[in-house]
C-alpha atoms as a PDB file:
ATOM      1  CA  MET A   1      -3.545  11.410   5.517  1.00  0.00           C
ATOM      2  CA  ARG A   2      -5.223   9.047   3.089  1.00  0.00           C
ATOM      3  CA  GLN A   3      -3.127   6.187   1.742  1.00  0.00           C
ATOM      4  CA  ILE A   4      -3.994   4.037  -1.256  1.00  0.00           C
ATOM      5  CA  LEU A   5      -1.694   1.180  -2.210  1.00  0.00           C
ATOM      6  CA  ILE A   6      -2.045   0.155  -5.859  1.00  0.00           C
ATOM      7  CA  PRO A   7      -0.547  -3.057  -7.278  1.00  0.00           C
ATOM      8  CA  PHE A   8      -0.071  -2.999 -11.026  1.00  0.00           C
ATOM      9  CA  LEU A   9       1.863  -4.255 -14.047  1.00  0.00           C
ATOM     10  CA  CYS A  10       2.506  -7.870 -13.067  1.00  0.00           C
ATOM     11  CA  LEU A  11       5.059  -9.427 -15.392  1.00  0.00           C
ATOM     12  CA  PRO A  12       6.052 -13.104 -15.207  1.00  0.00           C
ATOM     13  CA  VAL A  13       9.812 -13.642 -15.274  1.00  0.00           C
ATOM     14  CA  MET A  14       9.341 -16.555 -17.678  1.00  0.00           C
ATOM     15  CA  ALA A  15       7.507 -16.141 -20.975  1.00  0.00           C
ATOM     16  CA  HIS A  16       4.025 -17.606 -21.285  1.00  0.00           C
ATOM     17  CA  ALA A  17       1.995 -18.928 -24.169  1.00  0.00           C
ATOM     18  CA  GLN A  18       0.663 -16.558 -26.841  1.00  0.00           C
ATOM     19  CA  GLU A  19      -2.847 -15.246 -26.113  1.00  0.00           C
ATOM     20  CA  ALA A  20      -5.365 -13.337 -28.217  1.00  0.00           C
ATOM     21  CA  ASN A  21      -4.836  -9.585 -28.478  1.00  0.00           C
ATOM     22  CA  GLY A  22      -6.553  -7.769 -25.634  1.00  0.00           C
ATOM     23  CA  ILE A  23      -6.282  -6.161 -22.219  1.00  0.00           C
ATOM     24  CA  ALA A  24      -7.679  -7.165 -18.833  1.00  0.00           C
ATOM     25  CA  PHE A  25      -7.662  -5.422 -15.461  1.00  0.00           C
ATOM     26  CA  THR A  26      -9.716  -5.124 -12.275  1.00  0.00           C
ATOM     27  CA  LEU A  27     -11.106  -1.881 -10.826  1.00  0.00           C
ATOM     28  CA  GLY A  28     -12.322  -1.502  -7.264  1.00  0.00           C
ATOM     29  CA  LEU A  29     -14.206   1.200  -5.363  1.00  0.00           C
ATOM     30  CA  GLY A  30     -15.130   1.280  -1.700  1.00  0.00           C
ATOM     31  CA  ALA A  31     -14.604   2.824   1.736  1.00  0.00           C
ATOM     32  CA  GLN A  32     -11.623   2.779   4.079  1.00  0.00           C
ATOM     33  CA  SER A  33     -10.976   3.608   7.734  1.00  0.00           C
ATOM     34  CA  GLN A  34      -7.408   4.512   8.647  1.00  0.00           C
ATOM     35  CA  PRO A  35      -5.353   6.824  10.908  1.00  0.00           C
ATOM     36  CA  GLY A  36      -5.601  10.458   9.886  1.00  0.00           C
ATOM     37  CA  TYR A  37      -1.796  10.646   9.642  1.00  0.00           C
ATOM     38  CA  PHE A  38       1.185   8.465  10.508  1.00  0.00           C
ATOM     39  CA  GLY A  39       1.079   8.094  14.302  1.00  0.00           C
ATOM     40  CA  ALA A  40      -2.452   9.436  14.812  1.00  0.00           C
ATOM     41  CA  ASP A  41      -4.621   7.865  17.526  1.00  0.00           C
ATOM     42  CA  ASP A  42      -7.918   8.487  15.704  1.00  0.00           C
ATOM     43  CA  ASN A  43      -9.189   7.025  12.449  1.00  0.00           C
ATOM     44  CA  GLU A  44     -11.035   8.746   9.658  1.00  0.00           C
ATOM     45  CA  VAL A  45     -13.283   7.214   7.004  1.00  0.00           C
ATOM     46  CA  GLY A  46     -13.115   8.038   3.327  1.00  0.00           C
ATOM     47  CA  PRO A  47     -13.273   6.592  -0.179  1.00  0.00           C
ATOM     48  CA  THR A  48     -10.651   4.206  -1.504  1.00  0.00           C
ATOM     49  CA  GLY A  49      -9.987   2.427  -4.771  1.00  0.00           C
ATOM     50  CA  ASP A  50      -7.993  -0.355  -6.325  1.00  0.00           C
ATOM     51  CA  PHE A  51      -6.478  -1.079  -9.730  1.00  0.00           C
ATOM     52  CA  ASP A  52      -4.950  -4.442 -10.590  1.00  0.00           C
ATOM     53  CA  PHE A  53      -3.459  -4.918 -14.044  1.00  0.00           C
ATOM     54  CA  GLU A  54      -3.843  -8.477 -15.340  1.00  0.00           C
ATOM     55  CA  ARG A  55      -2.594  -8.718 -18.897  1.00  0.00           C
ATOM     56  CA  LEU A  56      -1.925  -6.931 -22.184  1.00  0.00           C
ATOM     57  CA  GLN A  57      -1.392  -8.785 -25.440  1.00  0.00           C
ATOM     58  CA  PHE A  58      -0.747  -6.948 -28.704  1.00  0.00           C
ATOM     59  CA  GLY A  59       1.011  -8.944 -31.367  1.00  0.00           C
ATOM     60  CA  SER A  60       4.458  -9.841 -30.072  1.00  0.00           C
ATOM     61  CA  ILE A  61       4.079  -7.500 -27.088  1.00  0.00           C
ATOM     62  CA  SER A  62       2.975  -9.453 -24.025  1.00  0.00           C
ATOM     63  CA  LEU A  63       2.612  -8.185 -20.463  1.00  0.00           C
ATOM     64  CA  GLY A  64       1.170 -10.152 -17.589  1.00  0.00           C
ATOM     65  CA  GLY A  65      -1.006 -13.209 -18.031  1.00  0.00           C
ATOM     66  CA  ARG A  66      -3.805 -15.172 -16.410  1.00  0.00           C
ATOM     67  CA  SER A  67      -1.361 -17.523 -14.675  1.00  0.00           C
ATOM     68  CA  ARG A  68       0.170 -15.839 -11.624  1.00  0.00           C
ATOM     69  CA  GLU A  69       2.201 -18.711 -10.238  1.00  0.00           C
ATOM     70  CA  GLY A  70       5.980 -18.534  -9.935  1.00  0.00           C
ATOM     71  CA  LEU A  71       8.371 -15.600  -9.881  1.00  0.00           C
ATOM     72  CA  ARG A  72       7.291 -12.336 -11.457  1.00  0.00           C
ATOM     73  CA  PHE A  73       7.924  -8.617 -11.446  1.00  0.00           C
ATOM     74  CA  SER A  74       5.151  -6.489 -10.011  1.00  0.00           C
ATOM     75  CA  GLY A  75       4.908  -2.721 -10.067  1.00  0.00           C
ATOM     76  CA  SER A  76       3.658  -0.869  -7.017  1.00  0.00           C
ATOM     77  CA  ALA A  77       2.312   2.611  -6.312  1.00  0.00           C
ATOM     78  CA  ARG A  78       1.013   4.375  -3.201  1.00  0.00           C
ATOM     79  CA  PHE A  79      -0.786   7.671  -2.710  1.00  0.00           C
ATOM     80  CA  ILE A  80      -0.340   9.455   0.649  1.00  0.00           C
ATOM     81  CA  GLY A  81      -2.610  12.399   1.337  1.00  0.00           C
ATOM     82  CA  GLU A  82      -1.513  15.729   2.738  1.00  0.00           C
ATOM     83  CA  ARG A  83      -1.095  16.455   6.455  1.00  0.00           C
ATOM     84  CA  SER A  84      -2.228  19.838   7.722  1.00  0.00           C
ATOM     85  CA  ALA A  85      -2.358  21.320  11.222  1.00  0.00           C
ATOM     86  CA  ASP A  86      -5.651  22.930  10.162  1.00  0.00           C
ATOM     87  CA  ASP A  87      -7.164  19.428  10.143  1.00  0.00           C
ATOM     88  CA  TYR A  88      -5.381  18.157  13.260  1.00  0.00           C
ATOM     89  CA  PRO A  89      -5.116  20.783  16.052  1.00  0.00           C
ATOM     90  CA  GLU A  90      -2.634  18.637  18.012  1.00  0.00           C
ATOM     91  CA  LEU A  91      -0.102  19.301  15.213  1.00  0.00           C
ATOM     92  CA  GLU A  92      -0.292  23.078  15.543  1.00  0.00           C
ATOM     93  CA  GLY A  93       3.069  24.665  14.738  1.00  0.00           C
ATOM     94  CA  LEU A  94       4.264  21.843  12.476  1.00  0.00           C
ATOM     95  CA  ASP A  95       4.762  22.467   8.770  1.00  0.00           C
ATOM     96  CA  ASP A  96       2.070  21.160   6.435  1.00  0.00           C
ATOM     97  CA  ILE A  97       3.076  18.152   4.318  1.00  0.00           C
ATOM     98  CA  ASP A  98       1.891  17.966   0.699  1.00  0.00           C
ATOM     99  CA  PHE A  99       0.482  14.775  -0.759  1.00  0.00           C
ATOM    100  CA  SER A 100       2.951  12.220  -2.113  1.00  0.00           C
ATOM    101  CA  VAL A 101       2.897   9.660  -4.906  1.00  0.00           C
ATOM    102  CA  GLU A 102       5.274   6.697  -4.617  1.00  0.00           C
ATOM    103  CA  VAL A 103       6.097   4.566  -7.653  1.00  0.00           C
ATOM    104  CA  GLY A 104       8.297   1.478  -7.892  1.00  0.00           C
ATOM    105  CA  GLY A 105       8.231  -2.280  -8.092  1.00  0.00           C
ATOM    106  CA  GLY A 106       9.747  -5.502  -6.932  1.00  0.00           C
ATOM    107  CA  LEU A 107       9.469  -9.274  -7.047  1.00  0.00           C
ATOM    108  CA  GLU A 108       6.675 -11.639  -6.071  1.00  0.00           C
ATOM    109  CA  PHE A 109       6.774 -15.400  -5.714  1.00  0.00           C
ATOM    110  CA  ASN A 110       3.378 -17.051  -5.935  1.00  0.00           C
ATOM    111  CA  ARG A 111       2.076 -20.522  -5.217  1.00  0.00           C
ATOM    112  CA  PRO A 112      -1.559 -21.628  -4.778  1.00  0.00           C
ATOM    113  CA  ASP A 113      -1.235 -21.671  -0.974  1.00  0.00           C
ATOM    114  CA  TYR A 114       1.232 -18.831  -0.287  1.00  0.00           C
ATOM    115  CA  GLU A 115       2.771 -15.631  -1.671  1.00  0.00           C
ATOM    116  CA  LEU A 116       5.967 -13.687  -0.872  1.00  0.00           C
ATOM    117  CA  PHE A 117       6.896 -10.183  -2.033  1.00  0.00           C
ATOM    118  CA  ALA A 118       9.513  -7.444  -1.764  1.00  0.00           C
ATOM    119  CA  LYS A 119       8.777  -3.936  -3.102  1.00  0.00           C
ATOM    120  CA  LEU A 120      10.807  -0.724  -3.381  1.00  0.00           C
ATOM    121  CA  ARG A 121       9.144   2.626  -4.086  1.00  0.00           C
ATOM    122  CA  TYR A 122      10.307   6.232  -4.513  1.00  0.00           C
ATOM    123  CA  GLY A 123       8.300   9.395  -3.889  1.00  0.00           C
ATOM    124  CA  VAL A 124       8.212  10.895  -7.385  1.00  0.00           C
ATOM    125  CA  ILE A 125       5.844  13.572  -6.061  1.00  0.00           C
ATOM    126  CA  GLY A 126       6.029  14.844  -2.488  1.00  0.00           C
ATOM    127  CA  HIS A 127       8.500  13.329  -0.022  1.00  0.00           C
ATOM    128  CA  GLU A 128      11.151  12.268  -2.637  1.00  0.00           C
ATOM    129  CA  ALA A 129      12.315   9.399  -0.408  1.00  0.00           C
ATOM    130  CA  LEU A 130      12.699   5.632  -0.593  1.00  0.00           C
ATOM    131  CA  VAL A 131      10.445   3.090   1.122  1.00  0.00           C
ATOM    132  CA  ALA A 132      10.651  -0.705   1.035  1.00  0.00           C
ATOM    133  CA  GLU A 133       7.955  -3.205   1.926  1.00  0.00           C
ATOM    134  CA  LEU A 134       8.357  -6.912   2.686  1.00  0.00           C
ATOM    135  CA  GLY A 135       5.595  -9.399   3.313  1.00  0.00           C
ATOM    136  CA  GLY A 136       3.889 -12.660   2.579  1.00  0.00           C
ATOM    137  CA  ASP A 137       0.537 -14.399   2.829  1.00  0.00           C
ATOM    138  CA  LEU A 138      -0.793 -17.849   3.523  1.00  0.00           C
ATOM    139  CA  ILE A 139      -3.744 -18.458   1.183  1.00  0.00           C
ATOM    140  CA  VAL A 140      -6.804 -20.637   1.746  1.00  0.00           C
ATOM    141  CA  ARG A 141      -9.591 -21.189  -0.780  1.00  0.00           C
ATOM    142  CA  PRO A 142     -12.548 -22.968   0.858  1.00  0.00           C
ATOM    143  CA  ASP A 143     -14.360 -22.991  -2.496  1.00  0.00           C
ATOM    144  CA  ASP A 144     -14.166 -21.433  -5.971  1.00  0.00           C
ATOM    145  CA  GLN A 145     -15.694 -18.143  -4.809  1.00  0.00           C
ATOM    146  CA  VAL A 146     -13.958 -17.455  -1.482  1.00  0.00           C
ATOM    147  CA  THR A 147     -10.264 -16.635  -0.938  1.00  0.00           C
ATOM    148  CA  LEU A 148      -8.752 -15.973   2.480  1.00  0.00           C
ATOM    149  CA  ARG A 149      -5.226 -14.662   2.967  1.00  0.00           C
ATOM    150  CA  ALA A 150      -3.166 -13.325   5.844  1.00  0.00           C
ATOM    151  CA  GLY A 151       0.463 -12.623   6.607  1.00  0.00           C
ATOM    152  CA  PRO A 152       3.124 -10.278   8.031  1.00  0.00           C
ATOM    153  CA  ARG A 153       4.125  -6.844   6.724  1.00  0.00           C
ATOM    154  CA  LEU A 154       7.296  -4.788   7.280  1.00  0.00           C
ATOM    155  CA  LEU A 155       7.771  -1.188   6.120  1.00  0.00           C
ATOM    156  CA  TRP A 156      11.215   0.463   5.957  1.00  0.00           C
ATOM    157  CA  GLY A 157      11.816   4.142   5.223  1.00  0.00           C
ATOM    158  CA  SER A 158      14.873   6.192   4.300  1.00  0.00           C
ATOM    159  CA  GLU A 159      15.906   9.162   6.446  1.00  0.00           C
ATOM    160  CA  ASP A 160      14.101  11.587   4.133  1.00  0.00           C
ATOM    161  CA  PHE A 161      10.875   9.609   4.594  1.00  0.00           C
ATOM    162  CA  THR A 162      11.014   9.295   8.385  1.00  0.00           C
ATOM    163  CA  GLN A 163      12.104  12.917   8.844  1.00  0.00           C
ATOM    164  CA  THR A 164       9.211  14.084   6.646  1.00  0.00           C
ATOM    165  CA  TYR A 165       6.515  12.305   8.653  1.00  0.00           C
ATOM    166  CA  PHE A 166       8.072  11.876  12.104  1.00  0.00           C
ATOM    167  CA  GLY A 167      10.796  14.524  12.434  1.00  0.00           C
ATOM    168  CA  VAL A 168      10.514  17.928  14.123  1.00  0.00           C
ATOM    169  CA  SER A 169      12.852  20.680  12.911  1.00  0.00           C
ATOM    170  CA  PRO A 170      14.200  23.382  15.277  1.00  0.00           C
ATOM    171  CA  GLU A 171      11.921  25.903  13.574  1.00  0.00           C
ATOM    172  CA  GLU A 172       8.886  23.660  14.066  1.00  0.00           C
ATOM    173  CA  SER A 173       9.876  23.058  17.689  1.00  0.00           C
ATOM    174  CA  ALA A 174      10.032  26.801  18.340  1.00  0.00           C
ATOM    175  CA  ALA A 175       6.538  27.239  16.856  1.00  0.00           C
ATOM    176  CA  SER A 176       4.941  24.264  18.638  1.00  0.00           C
ATOM    177  CA  ASP A 177       4.914  22.216  21.824  1.00  0.00           C
ATOM    178  CA  PHE A 178       7.077  19.490  20.235  1.00  0.00           C
ATOM    179  CA  ALA A 179      10.744  18.952  21.038  1.00  0.00           C
ATOM    180  CA  THR A 180      13.222  18.878  18.172  1.00  0.00           C
ATOM    181  CA  PHE A 181      13.490  15.338  16.805  1.00  0.00           C
ATOM    182  CA  GLU A 182      15.791  13.928  14.139  1.00  0.00           C
ATOM    183  CA  ALA A 183      14.322  10.752  12.625  1.00  0.00           C
ATOM    184  CA  GLY A 184      16.760   8.404  10.923  1.00  0.00           C
ATOM    185  CA  ALA A 185      16.381   5.652   8.339  1.00  0.00           C
ATOM    186  CA  GLY A 186      15.017   2.376   9.656  1.00  0.00           C
ATOM    187  CA  LEU A 187      12.026   0.169  10.242  1.00  0.00           C
ATOM    188  CA  VAL A 188       8.854   2.248  10.255  1.00  0.00           C
ATOM    189  CA  SER A 189       6.295  -0.409  11.143  1.00  0.00           C
ATOM    190  CA  ALA A 190       5.731  -4.133  11.582  1.00  0.00           C
ATOM    191  CA  GLY A 191       2.324  -5.711  11.396  1.00  0.00           C
ATOM    192  CA  VAL A 192      -0.072  -8.178   9.861  1.00  0.00           C
ATOM    193  CA  GLU A 193      -2.728  -7.966   7.137  1.00  0.00           C
ATOM    194  CA  ALA A 194      -5.740 -10.206   6.488  1.00  0.00           C
ATOM    195  CA  GLU A 195      -8.086 -10.172   3.496  1.00  0.00           C
ATOM    196  CA  ALA A 196     -11.222 -12.058   2.479  1.00  0.00           C
ATOM    197  CA  THR A 197     -12.554 -11.897  -1.080  1.00  0.00           C
ATOM    198  CA  TYR A 198     -15.774 -13.238  -2.556  1.00  0.00           C
ATOM    199  CA  GLN A 199     -16.325 -13.583  -6.310  1.00  0.00           C
ATOM    200  CA  PHE A 200     -20.000 -13.412  -7.276  1.00  0.00           C
ATOM    201  CA  ASP A 201     -19.055 -14.415 -10.823  1.00  0.00           C
ATOM    202  CA  ASP A 202     -16.202 -13.907 -13.302  1.00  0.00           C
ATOM    203  CA  THR A 203     -16.862 -10.150 -13.344  1.00  0.00           C
ATOM    204  CA  TRP A 204     -17.980  -8.911  -9.911  1.00  0.00           C
ATOM    205  CA  GLY A 205     -16.475  -9.433  -6.475  1.00  0.00           C
ATOM    206  CA  VAL A 206     -16.076  -7.884  -3.037  1.00  0.00           C
ATOM    207  CA  ALA A 207     -12.979  -7.703  -0.836  1.00  0.00           C
ATOM    208  CA  GLY A 208     -12.677  -6.901   2.862  1.00  0.00           C
ATOM    209  CA  LYS A 209      -9.255  -6.125   4.334  1.00  0.00           C
ATOM    210  CA  ILE A 210      -7.903  -5.306   7.784  1.00  0.00           C
ATOM    211  CA  ARG A 211      -4.334  -4.373   8.699  1.00  0.00           C
ATOM    212  CA  TYR A 212      -2.641  -3.789  12.037  1.00  0.00           C
ATOM    213  CA  ASP A 213       0.743  -2.033  12.220  1.00  0.00           C
ATOM    214  CA  ARG A 214       2.932  -1.257  15.225  1.00  0.00           C
ATOM    215  CA  LEU A 215       5.249   1.715  14.686  1.00  0.00           C
ATOM    216  CA  GLN A 216       8.926   0.939  15.306  1.00  0.00           C
ATOM    217  CA  ASP A 217      12.213   2.691  16.126  1.00  0.00           C
ATOM    218  CA  ASP A 218      12.199   6.460  15.457  1.00  0.00           C
ATOM    219  CA  ALA A 219       8.623   6.329  14.149  1.00  0.00           C
ATOM    220  CA  ALA A 220       7.494   5.058  17.555  1.00  0.00           C
ATOM    221  CA  ASP A 221       9.757   7.457  19.507  1.00  0.00           C
ATOM    222  CA  SER A 222       8.712  10.577  17.602  1.00  0.00           C
ATOM    223  CA  PRO A 223       6.916  13.234  19.683  1.00  0.00           C
ATOM    224  CA  ILE A 224       4.437  13.508  16.789  1.00  0.00           C
ATOM    225  CA  THR A 225       3.263   9.925  17.325  1.00  0.00           C
ATOM    226  CA  GLN A 226       0.087   9.826  19.397  1.00  0.00           C
ATOM    227  CA  SER A 227      -0.314   6.053  19.158  1.00  0.00           C
ATOM    228  CA  GLU A 228       2.091   3.318  18.079  1.00  0.00           C
ATOM    229  CA  ASP A 229      -0.866   1.088  17.143  1.00  0.00           C
ATOM    230  CA  GLN A 230      -2.224   1.766  13.667  1.00  0.00           C
ATOM    231  CA  LEU A 231      -5.341  -0.010  12.369  1.00  0.00           C
ATOM    232  CA  THR A 232      -6.689   0.178   8.810  1.00  0.00           C
ATOM    233  CA  GLY A 233      -9.778  -1.509   7.372  1.00  0.00           C
ATOM    234  CA  SER A 234     -11.505  -1.362   4.003  1.00  0.00           C
ATOM    235  CA  ILE A 235     -14.248  -2.928   1.911  1.00  0.00           C
ATOM    236  CA  VAL A 236     -14.123  -2.679  -1.873  1.00  0.00           C
ATOM    237  CA  VAL A 237     -16.425  -3.818  -4.673  1.00  0.00           C
ATOM    238  CA  THR A 238     -14.408  -5.016  -7.674  1.00  0.00           C
ATOM    239  CA  ARG A 239     -15.182  -5.399 -11.362  1.00  0.00           C
ATOM    240  CA  ARG A 240     -13.004  -7.221 -13.878  1.00  0.00           C
ATOM    241  CA  ILE A 241     -12.854  -5.503 -17.283  1.00  0.00           C
ATOM    242  CA  SER A 242     -11.466  -7.156 -20.392  1.00  0.00           C
ATOM    243  CA  PHE A 243     -11.753  -6.564 -24.111  1.00  0.00           C
ATOM    244  CA  GLY A 244     -10.000  -7.639 -27.278  1.00  0.00           C
ATOM    245  CA  PHE A 245      -8.727  -5.676 -30.235  1.00  0.00           C
END
């Protein structure tokens, strides 16, 4: 069940100085190891990507900006791959789950040495449920090329979300070895994430990230959950793209 979290559309709450017309963003491509599905005890490796919008300036229309300090709105999106019993024999008898696309946003507060954020997303495709994510990072920059950051993460899911990925309906129970399980809204996971980035120059960079999550509440108690410990790691090569018009 591949997941890709995509930050985008960062808008400062306060207006910033006029800049030349143009657009700038960063694209990333790499590999990621993560649990095959929520609660799996084995990881699988596959491709991953990243897109980070930086700024758009067109006449009086201004979005984003090079300065990222202070309070700002930030969009957020996440892709969750499908879950199929054909791929995971231990889930035999459970309904397949289609892929989902979550879209939303929230607020970030940034300072040179720390960052706080709160995001809310809705599954516009797939699970049609709400999820919220809270977190923050301490940031250290040993030099102009290296940035280190690490901090806690909390993920909350509505009842529709937890029932989709952790619930077992009576029909599924009758067709499988799992007991019926009703998953309610609540904390899905609590964990920590650490990232190290290295900028070769103003255009190219590389980022390594590792995240540990511990499933909580009904997500941990679900009969589907094989392991409460979830570990994800990735390495991505990034390229900043900008042009004027």
